[in-house]
Amino acid sequence: MKIVSEYDRNHSNFIIINQKNRGVSAARNRGIEISKGEYLLFVDPDDYIVEDSLDTIISQSRICKVEILIFNSLTQFFNSKEKSFIFGFPQNLRDKTHSGIELSKEGYMRGPVWGIAFERQFIIKNNLRFFEGIINSEDSIFMSMCFIYSSQIKYFNLDYYIVCPRFEGATLSWDFNRVKNMLKNLAVIGYYVENSSLTNDQKGIIQKNIYTAISLMMKKLLSIHRLDKYFEIKQGIKKSGLYPITNYQGDQFKRKIHLLNISF
């Protein structure tokens, strides 16, 4: 707080929000609610952005005039100077503006929200928020909703965001309670589908998120050697009403869905 207060004293465009820790989703939602600018960018606590990149991001966002502009993200482990690209954008899709549905049908989906400039008015107009109460894949659900409603997504080749993973970080540490907690993700997705008027193409995007959530649960259950809890998780998945998955986009995804559906 002492550090950010120093920035606040020297920059008139800083706003400090000091609230009880209710998780990353609550923090981001609060930021969205009080934001006033043209664009929204999210940065996780352990990461950083490339020096002097924001000028280019703002200028390109204004030139492209799209709802979502995606930049290069790189990973750099602590105590290392090496960087490597992650979450690349397909080469054959880089020169055009696409809708979220078009990109999804091409097999591209975005998980994390960092490394992206969101048009603020697009987020506000579609009432897009992070679901609070879930502790994993909250980014993926938010990005799925963005892809459902966006008609203007584009890539720009700029090294912008540096991910600094920690081995004990939230995305890398798992136990059974965390696997079980992901059943809340299915409940959130189910509630959203039930209370939204979505086309089949839009539902296809959501189904990919369901597939990812179920696959991740089973993978993590295996990795933590808790197959004794298999039937408990299986029953939770079936009670969600989202399994088996019936709606899909693309033949490749159809095969993945089929394998998942027969695995139970």
Protein backbone atom coordinates (compact mmCIF):
# COMPACT_ATOMS: atom_id res chain seq x y z
CA MET A 1 0.00 0.00 0.00
CA LYS A 2 2.89 2.34 0.73
CA ILE A 3 4.27 1.82 -2.79
CA VAL A 4 0.98 2.37 -4.63
CA SER A 5 0.22 5.39 -2.45
CA GLU A 6 3.42 6.99 -3.72
CA TYR A 7 2.24 6.47 -7.30
CA ASP A 8 -1.16 7.89 -6.39
CA ARG A 9 0.41 11.07 -5.04
CA ASN A 10 2.36 11.60 -8.25
CA HIS A 11 -0.23 10.60 -10.87
CA SER A 12 -3.73 12.05 -11.09
CA ASN A 13 -5.08 9.07 -13.05
CA PHE A 14 -4.47 6.52 -10.28
CA ILE A 15 -7.33 5.10 -8.23
CA ILE A 16 -6.54 2.87 -5.24
CA ILE A 17 -9.13 0.37 -4.04
CA ASN A 18 -8.34 -1.20 -0.67
CA GLN A 19 -10.92 -3.87 0.10
CA LYS A 20 -11.11 -7.14 2.00
CA ASN A 21 -9.66 -9.99 -0.04
CA ARG A 22 -12.61 -11.75 -1.69
CA GLY A 23 -10.62 -13.29 -4.52
CA VAL A 24 -9.44 -12.22 -7.96
CA SER A 25 -12.92 -12.16 -9.52
CA ALA A 26 -14.27 -9.71 -6.93
CA ALA A 27 -11.19 -7.50 -7.37
CA ARG A 28 -11.53 -7.43 -11.15
CA ASN A 29 -15.26 -6.75 -10.98
CA ARG A 30 -14.66 -3.82 -8.66
CA GLY A 31 -12.11 -2.48 -11.12
CA ILE A 32 -14.60 -2.78 -13.98
CA GLU A 33 -17.28 -0.98 -11.98
CA ILE A 34 -15.17 2.08 -11.17
CA SER A 35 -13.29 2.24 -14.49
CA LYS A 36 -13.72 5.29 -16.70
CA GLY A 37 -11.26 4.83 -19.57
CA GLU A 38 -11.59 3.50 -23.10
CA TYR A 39 -9.91 0.14 -22.50
CA LEU A 40 -9.53 -2.46 -19.75
CA LEU A 41 -6.37 -4.48 -19.17
CA PHE A 42 -5.86 -7.06 -16.41
CA VAL A 43 -2.52 -7.82 -14.74
CA ASP A 44 -1.99 -10.63 -12.20
CA PRO A 45 0.07 -9.93 -9.06
CA ASP A 46 3.21 -11.92 -9.97
CA ASP A 47 3.40 -10.76 -13.59
CA TYR A 48 4.55 -7.61 -15.35
CA ILE A 49 4.13 -5.80 -18.64
CA VAL A 50 6.84 -4.81 -21.10
CA GLU A 51 8.17 -1.32 -20.51
CA ASP A 52 6.68 1.38 -22.78
CA SER A 53 4.16 -1.07 -24.30
CA LEU A 54 1.02 0.77 -23.20
CA ASP A 55 1.47 3.65 -25.66
CA THR A 56 1.48 1.17 -28.55
CA ILE A 57 -1.45 -0.76 -27.10
CA ILE A 58 -3.62 2.34 -26.80
CA SER A 59 -2.71 3.67 -30.24
CA GLN A 60 -3.30 0.31 -31.92
CA SER A 61 -6.59 -0.16 -30.10
CA ARG A 62 -7.77 3.17 -31.43
CA ILE A 63 -6.58 2.35 -34.94
CA CYS A 64 -8.09 -1.15 -35.04
CA LYS A 65 -11.32 -0.10 -33.31
CA VAL A 66 -12.16 -3.62 -32.19
CA GLU A 67 -13.75 -4.95 -29.02
CA ILE A 68 -10.90 -7.31 -28.13
CA LEU A 69 -7.27 -6.83 -29.20
CA ILE A 70 -4.89 -9.70 -28.40
CA PHE A 71 -1.13 -9.23 -27.97
CA ASN A 72 1.84 -11.54 -27.35
CA SER A 73 2.21 -13.13 -23.94
CA LEU A 74 5.47 -14.67 -22.78
CA THR A 75 6.46 -16.71 -19.75
CA GLN A 76 9.53 -16.13 -17.59
CA PHE A 77 10.25 -18.21 -14.51
CA PHE A 78 11.70 -16.51 -11.45
CA ASN A 79 15.50 -16.35 -11.37
CA SER A 80 15.61 -16.77 -15.14
CA LYS A 81 16.20 -14.32 -17.99
CA GLU A 82 14.77 -16.69 -20.61
CA LYS A 83 11.33 -15.93 -22.06
CA SER A 84 9.15 -18.15 -24.23
CA PHE A 85 5.89 -17.50 -26.08
CA ILE A 86 2.65 -18.88 -24.71
CA PHE A 87 -0.94 -18.73 -25.93
CA GLY A 88 0.04 -17.94 -29.51
CA PHE A 89 -2.47 -16.71 -32.05
CA PRO A 90 -2.95 -18.85 -35.21
CA GLN A 91 -0.80 -17.57 -38.07
CA ASN A 92 -3.56 -17.93 -40.67
CA LEU A 93 -5.97 -15.76 -38.66
CA ARG A 94 -3.69 -12.85 -37.83
CA ASP A 95 -4.48 -10.40 -40.63
CA LYS A 96 -8.24 -10.12 -40.22
CA THR A 97 -10.87 -9.17 -37.69
CA HIS A 98 -13.01 -12.09 -36.53
CA SER A 99 -16.04 -12.67 -34.38
CA GLY A 100 -15.69 -14.87 -31.32
CA ILE A 101 -17.88 -17.52 -32.96
CA GLU A 102 -15.68 -17.54 -36.08
CA LEU A 103 -12.52 -17.99 -34.01
CA SER A 104 -14.13 -20.74 -31.97
CA LYS A 105 -15.13 -22.61 -35.11
CA GLU A 106 -11.52 -22.29 -36.29
CA GLY A 107 -10.45 -24.04 -33.09
CA TYR A 108 -9.11 -20.97 -31.27
CA MET A 109 -10.24 -20.20 -27.74
CA ARG A 110 -8.58 -17.93 -25.24
CA GLY A 111 -8.25 -18.88 -21.58
CA PRO A 112 -6.50 -16.09 -19.62
CA VAL A 113 -7.66 -12.47 -19.70
CA TRP A 114 -4.20 -10.97 -19.42
CA GLY A 115 -2.31 -9.93 -22.55
CA ILE A 116 -5.49 -8.42 -23.99
CA ALA A 117 -7.01 -4.95 -24.38
CA PHE A 118 -10.79 -4.99 -23.93
CA GLU A 119 -12.93 -2.14 -25.15
CA ARG A 120 -14.55 -0.97 -21.94
CA GLN A 121 -17.88 -0.13 -23.57
CA PHE A 122 -18.11 -3.68 -24.96
CA ILE A 123 -17.71 -5.11 -21.44
CA ILE A 124 -20.25 -2.70 -19.95
CA LYS A 125 -22.81 -3.04 -22.77
CA ASN A 126 -22.89 -6.84 -22.49
CA ASN A 127 -22.77 -6.79 -18.67
CA LEU A 128 -19.72 -9.08 -18.66
CA ARG A 129 -18.37 -9.84 -15.21
CA PHE A 130 -16.26 -12.50 -13.52
CA PHE A 131 -18.23 -15.08 -11.54
CA GLU A 132 -17.33 -14.76 -7.87
CA GLY A 133 -17.04 -17.83 -5.68
CA ILE A 134 -15.05 -20.03 -8.06
CA ILE A 135 -11.29 -20.38 -7.64
CA ASN A 136 -10.17 -21.93 -10.91
CA SER A 137 -10.82 -21.20 -14.59
CA GLU A 138 -12.65 -17.97 -13.82
CA ASP A 139 -10.69 -16.43 -16.70
CA SER A 140 -11.86 -19.10 -19.14
CA ILE A 141 -15.53 -18.61 -18.30
CA PHE A 142 -15.19 -14.84 -18.69
CA MET A 143 -13.40 -15.23 -22.03
CA SER A 144 -16.08 -17.63 -23.26
CA MET A 145 -18.72 -14.99 -22.59
CA CYS A 146 -16.59 -12.41 -24.39
CA PHE A 147 -16.30 -14.70 -27.43
CA ILE A 148 -20.07 -15.29 -27.37
CA TYR A 149 -20.84 -11.61 -27.79
CA SER A 150 -17.85 -10.15 -29.62
CA SER A 151 -18.00 -9.51 -33.36
CA GLN A 152 -14.60 -7.78 -33.45
CA ILE A 153 -11.52 -9.64 -32.25
CA LYS A 154 -8.07 -9.05 -33.70
CA TYR A 155 -4.42 -9.89 -33.06
CA PHE A 156 -1.52 -7.43 -33.03
CA ASN A 157 2.11 -8.59 -32.95
CA LEU A 158 3.48 -6.87 -29.85
CA ASP A 159 5.35 -8.41 -26.93
CA TYR A 160 3.29 -7.04 -24.06
CA TYR A 161 2.63 -9.39 -21.15
CA ILE A 162 5.14 -11.43 -19.12
CA VAL A 163 3.80 -14.32 -17.02
CA CYS A 164 5.99 -15.22 -14.03
CA PRO A 165 4.74 -18.59 -12.75
CA ARG A 166 5.61 -19.81 -9.26
CA PHE A 167 5.69 -23.54 -8.54
CA GLU A 168 3.51 -22.97 -5.48
CA GLY A 169 1.20 -20.61 -7.41
CA ALA A 170 -2.57 -20.96 -7.55
CA THR A 171 -2.59 -22.55 -11.00
CA LEU A 172 -0.01 -25.17 -10.04
CA SER A 173 -1.11 -26.45 -6.61
CA TRP A 174 -4.00 -28.91 -6.38
CA ASP A 175 -5.70 -31.10 -3.78
CA PHE A 176 -9.04 -32.93 -3.71
CA ASN A 177 -10.97 -29.97 -2.28
CA ARG A 178 -9.84 -27.86 -5.20
CA VAL A 179 -10.93 -30.54 -7.68
CA LYS A 180 -14.32 -30.77 -5.97
CA ASN A 181 -14.64 -26.98 -5.91
CA MET A 182 -14.62 -27.03 -9.72
CA LEU A 183 -18.13 -28.48 -9.59
CA LYS A 184 -19.09 -24.88 -8.80
CA ASN A 185 -17.80 -23.97 -12.25
CA LEU A 186 -20.35 -26.31 -13.81
CA ALA A 187 -23.09 -24.83 -11.61
CA VAL A 188 -22.15 -21.32 -12.73
CA ILE A 189 -22.06 -22.32 -16.40
CA GLY A 190 -25.40 -24.12 -16.09
CA TYR A 191 -27.02 -21.09 -14.48
CA TYR A 192 -25.69 -18.82 -17.22
CA VAL A 193 -26.94 -21.07 -20.04
CA GLU A 194 -30.35 -21.44 -18.41
CA ASN A 195 -30.81 -17.70 -17.91
CA SER A 196 -29.43 -16.44 -21.23
CA SER A 197 -30.88 -16.46 -24.74
CA LEU A 198 -28.08 -18.10 -26.73
CA THR A 199 -27.88 -19.35 -30.29
CA ASN A 200 -26.55 -22.84 -31.02
CA ASP A 201 -23.23 -21.33 -32.09
CA GLN A 202 -22.99 -19.43 -28.82
CA LYS A 203 -23.87 -22.56 -26.86
CA GLY A 204 -21.10 -24.33 -28.76
CA ILE A 205 -18.57 -21.97 -27.18
CA ILE A 206 -19.97 -22.70 -23.72
CA GLN A 207 -19.81 -26.44 -24.37
CA LYS A 208 -16.07 -26.16 -24.95
CA ASN A 209 -15.79 -24.63 -21.49
CA ILE A 210 -17.78 -27.49 -20.02
CA TYR A 211 -15.51 -29.98 -21.77
CA THR A 212 -12.42 -28.23 -20.43
CA ALA A 213 -13.75 -28.11 -16.86
CA ILE A 214 -14.70 -31.80 -16.77
CA SER A 215 -11.45 -32.88 -18.42
CA LEU A 216 -9.40 -30.80 -15.97
CA MET A 217 -11.22 -32.27 -12.98
CA MET A 218 -10.51 -35.83 -14.08
CA LYS A 219 -6.90 -35.04 -14.99
CA LYS A 220 -6.20 -33.41 -11.62
CA LEU A 221 -7.97 -36.21 -9.76
CA LEU A 222 -5.55 -38.63 -11.39
CA SER A 223 -2.49 -36.41 -10.77
CA ILE A 224 -3.17 -36.16 -7.02
CA HIS A 225 -3.80 -39.93 -6.80
CA ARG A 226 -7.36 -39.66 -5.52
CA LEU A 227 -9.17 -42.12 -7.76
CA ASP A 228 -10.95 -43.28 -4.59
CA LYS A 229 -13.01 -40.09 -5.02
CA TYR A 230 -13.82 -40.80 -8.67
CA PHE A 231 -17.47 -41.73 -8.11
CA GLU A 232 -18.07 -38.68 -5.91
CA ILE A 233 -16.84 -36.37 -8.66
CA LYS A 234 -18.68 -38.39 -11.32
CA GLN A 235 -21.98 -37.98 -9.48
CA GLY A 236 -21.38 -34.25 -9.10
CA ILE A 237 -20.75 -33.89 -12.83
CA LYS A 238 -23.92 -35.80 -13.73
CA LYS A 239 -26.02 -33.78 -11.27
CA SER A 240 -24.93 -30.58 -13.03
CA GLY A 241 -27.20 -31.45 -15.96
CA LEU A 242 -24.42 -30.51 -18.37
CA TYR A 243 -23.27 -34.06 -19.06
CA PRO A 244 -23.25 -35.72 -21.54
CA ILE A 245 -22.25 -32.88 -23.85
CA THR A 246 -24.38 -32.76 -26.99
CA ASN A 247 -23.58 -29.45 -28.69
CA TYR A 248 -20.21 -28.90 -30.32
CA GLN A 249 -18.31 -27.03 -33.02
CA GLY A 250 -16.02 -28.72 -35.54
CA ASP A 251 -15.17 -32.34 -36.25
CA GLN A 252 -12.02 -32.31 -34.10
CA PHE A 253 -13.98 -31.16 -31.08
CA LYS A 254 -16.69 -33.70 -31.90
CA ARG A 255 -14.16 -36.51 -31.44
CA LYS A 256 -12.99 -35.08 -28.11
CA ILE A 257 -16.59 -34.79 -26.90
CA HIS A 258 -17.31 -38.36 -27.94
CA LEU A 259 -14.31 -39.69 -26.01
CA LEU A 260 -15.30 -37.73 -22.92
CA ASN A 261 -18.93 -38.83 -23.11
CA ILE A 262 -18.06 -42.53 -23.28
CA SER A 263 -15.38 -42.29 -20.55
CA PHE A 264 -18.08 -42.35 -17.85
